[in-house]
Amino acid sequence: MVPETAKGGLYKCRVTYSEVIEKIEFESYEPRVVQSLCLITDNTIQYDFKYHNRQQLNALFSQRGEADDVLIVQNDLITDTSYANIVFWEGSQWHTPVVICLLVHNALDCWKKKK
C-alpha cells in the first residue's frame, strides 16, 4: 500500500478520516526538533479531525511562549500536541492516550470493513 516513491528516505503518512478513512497520502518528512513543551489545559477543545480544522489547535499553539510546542491536557488527561500524537515510554512499554487510540482504532475498523 506504500507507493514506490515513498519507500526510501523519511516520509509522513497522512490519513484523512471522518467516520471512515477517506484518503491516505505520503509526503517527504523532515522531523521537527522539539526540545520544550508548554502544558496547556483546555477542556473544551474539539479536534476530531486535526488536519482539516486547525483553528483551535493553532490558538493553543499561539500560547506556547518560548516553548517549541504545546502539550494539551483535557479533563486532567494528556491528550496530544499541536503537531504530533504523543507517546510515553514507561521503562518497558509504550503508552498512548486512550482517546487517540480509540479514534484511530475506530477509523481503521471502518476502513477494513469498507475493503
Protein backbone atom coordinates (compact mmCIF):
# COMPACT_ATOMS: atom_id res chain seq x y z
CA MET A 1 0.00 0.00 0.00
CA VAL A 2 3.04 2.28 0.37
CA PRO A 3 3.88 3.87 -3.01
CA GLU A 4 7.29 3.07 -4.51
CA THR A 5 8.27 6.75 -4.31
CA ALA A 6 7.87 6.67 -0.53
CA LYS A 7 9.95 3.56 0.14
CA GLY A 8 13.28 5.38 0.52
CA GLY A 9 14.06 8.20 2.95
CA LEU A 10 11.70 9.66 5.54
CA TYR A 11 8.05 10.10 4.70
CA LYS A 12 4.99 11.17 6.63
CA CYS A 13 1.81 9.19 6.17
CA ARG A 14 -1.27 11.38 6.50
CA VAL A 15 -4.57 9.60 6.99
CA THR A 16 -7.63 11.78 6.40
CA TYR A 17 -10.70 10.32 8.03
CA SER A 18 -14.15 11.05 9.37
CA GLU A 19 -16.27 8.02 10.21
CA VAL A 20 -14.21 6.21 7.55
CA ILE A 21 -10.74 6.60 6.07
CA GLU A 22 -11.11 8.97 3.13
CA LYS A 23 -7.55 9.36 1.90
CA ILE A 24 -4.02 8.14 2.62
CA GLU A 25 -1.14 10.35 1.48
CA PHE A 26 2.65 10.14 1.75
CA GLU A 27 4.89 13.20 1.70
CA SER A 28 8.55 13.89 2.38
CA TYR A 29 9.18 14.40 6.07
CA GLU A 30 11.78 16.38 7.94
CA PRO A 31 11.43 15.86 11.70
CA ARG A 32 10.84 18.95 13.81
CA VAL A 33 13.21 19.32 16.71
CA VAL A 34 11.11 19.75 19.85
CA GLN A 35 13.10 20.41 23.00
CA SER A 36 10.48 22.12 25.12
CA LEU A 37 6.73 21.84 25.65
CA CYS A 38 4.25 24.18 27.31
CA LEU A 39 1.48 22.41 29.20
CA ILE A 40 -1.87 23.93 28.14
CA THR A 41 -5.20 22.91 29.64
CA ASP A 42 -8.33 23.22 27.50
CA ASN A 43 -11.34 21.13 28.45
CA THR A 44 -13.48 22.42 25.59
CA ILE A 45 -11.25 21.86 22.55
CA GLN A 46 -12.62 19.52 19.89
CA TYR A 47 -10.36 18.47 17.05
CA ASP A 48 -11.51 15.04 15.98
CA PHE A 49 -10.13 15.80 12.52
CA LYS A 50 -6.85 17.52 13.38
CA TYR A 51 -5.60 18.04 9.83
CA HIS A 52 -8.67 19.75 8.36
CA ASN A 53 -9.68 22.21 11.05
CA ARG A 54 -6.66 23.51 12.95
CA GLN A 55 -8.21 26.73 14.29
CA GLN A 56 -8.44 25.59 17.93
CA LEU A 57 -5.04 23.87 17.80
CA ASN A 58 -3.44 27.00 16.35
CA ALA A 59 -4.99 29.08 19.14
CA LEU A 60 -3.42 26.79 21.75
CA PHE A 61 -0.10 26.77 19.86
CA SER A 62 -0.01 30.56 19.97
CA GLN A 63 0.04 30.34 23.80
CA ARG A 64 3.30 28.34 23.91
CA GLY A 65 5.52 31.31 24.78
CA GLU A 66 9.18 30.30 24.31
CA ALA A 67 8.35 26.57 24.05
CA ASP A 68 8.60 24.65 20.77
CA ASP A 69 5.10 23.16 21.05
CA VAL A 70 2.20 22.63 23.44
CA LEU A 71 1.20 19.53 25.36
CA ILE A 72 -2.59 19.54 25.54
CA VAL A 73 -4.43 18.50 28.70
CA GLN A 74 -8.16 17.77 28.59
CA ASN A 75 -10.08 16.76 31.68
CA ASP A 76 -6.83 16.03 33.57
CA LEU A 77 -5.52 13.75 30.79
CA ILE A 78 -2.63 14.49 28.46
CA THR A 79 -4.12 14.02 25.00
CA ASP A 80 -1.93 15.48 22.27
CA THR A 81 0.42 18.14 20.96
CA SER A 82 -0.45 20.66 18.26
CA TYR A 83 1.60 18.82 15.64
CA ALA A 84 2.05 15.15 16.52
CA ASN A 85 0.43 12.40 18.51
CA ILE A 86 2.01 11.82 21.91
CA VAL A 87 3.53 8.62 23.23
CA PHE A 88 5.12 7.86 26.61
CA TRP A 89 7.83 5.31 27.40
CA GLU A 90 7.47 3.63 30.79
CA GLY A 91 10.65 1.63 31.08
CA SER A 92 9.44 -1.44 29.21
CA GLN A 93 6.42 -0.39 27.13
CA TRP A 94 4.94 2.49 25.18
CA HIS A 95 1.69 4.22 26.17
CA THR A 96 -0.50 6.49 24.08
CA PRO A 97 -3.52 8.50 25.22
CA VAL A 98 -6.67 6.35 25.17
CA VAL A 99 -8.66 8.99 23.26
CA ILE A 100 -6.26 8.91 20.30
CA CYS A 101 -6.10 5.10 20.31
CA LEU A 102 -9.88 4.83 20.15
CA LEU A 103 -10.16 7.33 17.26
CA VAL A 104 -7.50 5.58 15.19
CA HIS A 105 -8.83 2.10 16.03
CA ASN A 106 -12.39 3.06 15.01
CA ALA A 107 -11.22 4.65 11.76
CA LEU A 108 -9.12 1.61 10.84
CA ASP A 109 -12.01 -0.74 11.65
CA CYS A 110 -14.30 1.20 9.31
CA TRP A 111 -11.64 1.21 6.59
CA LYS A 112 -11.07 -2.56 6.84
CA LYS A 113 -14.82 -3.23 6.61
CA LYS A 114 -15.05 -0.99 3.54
CA LYS A 115 -12.38 -3.03 1.67
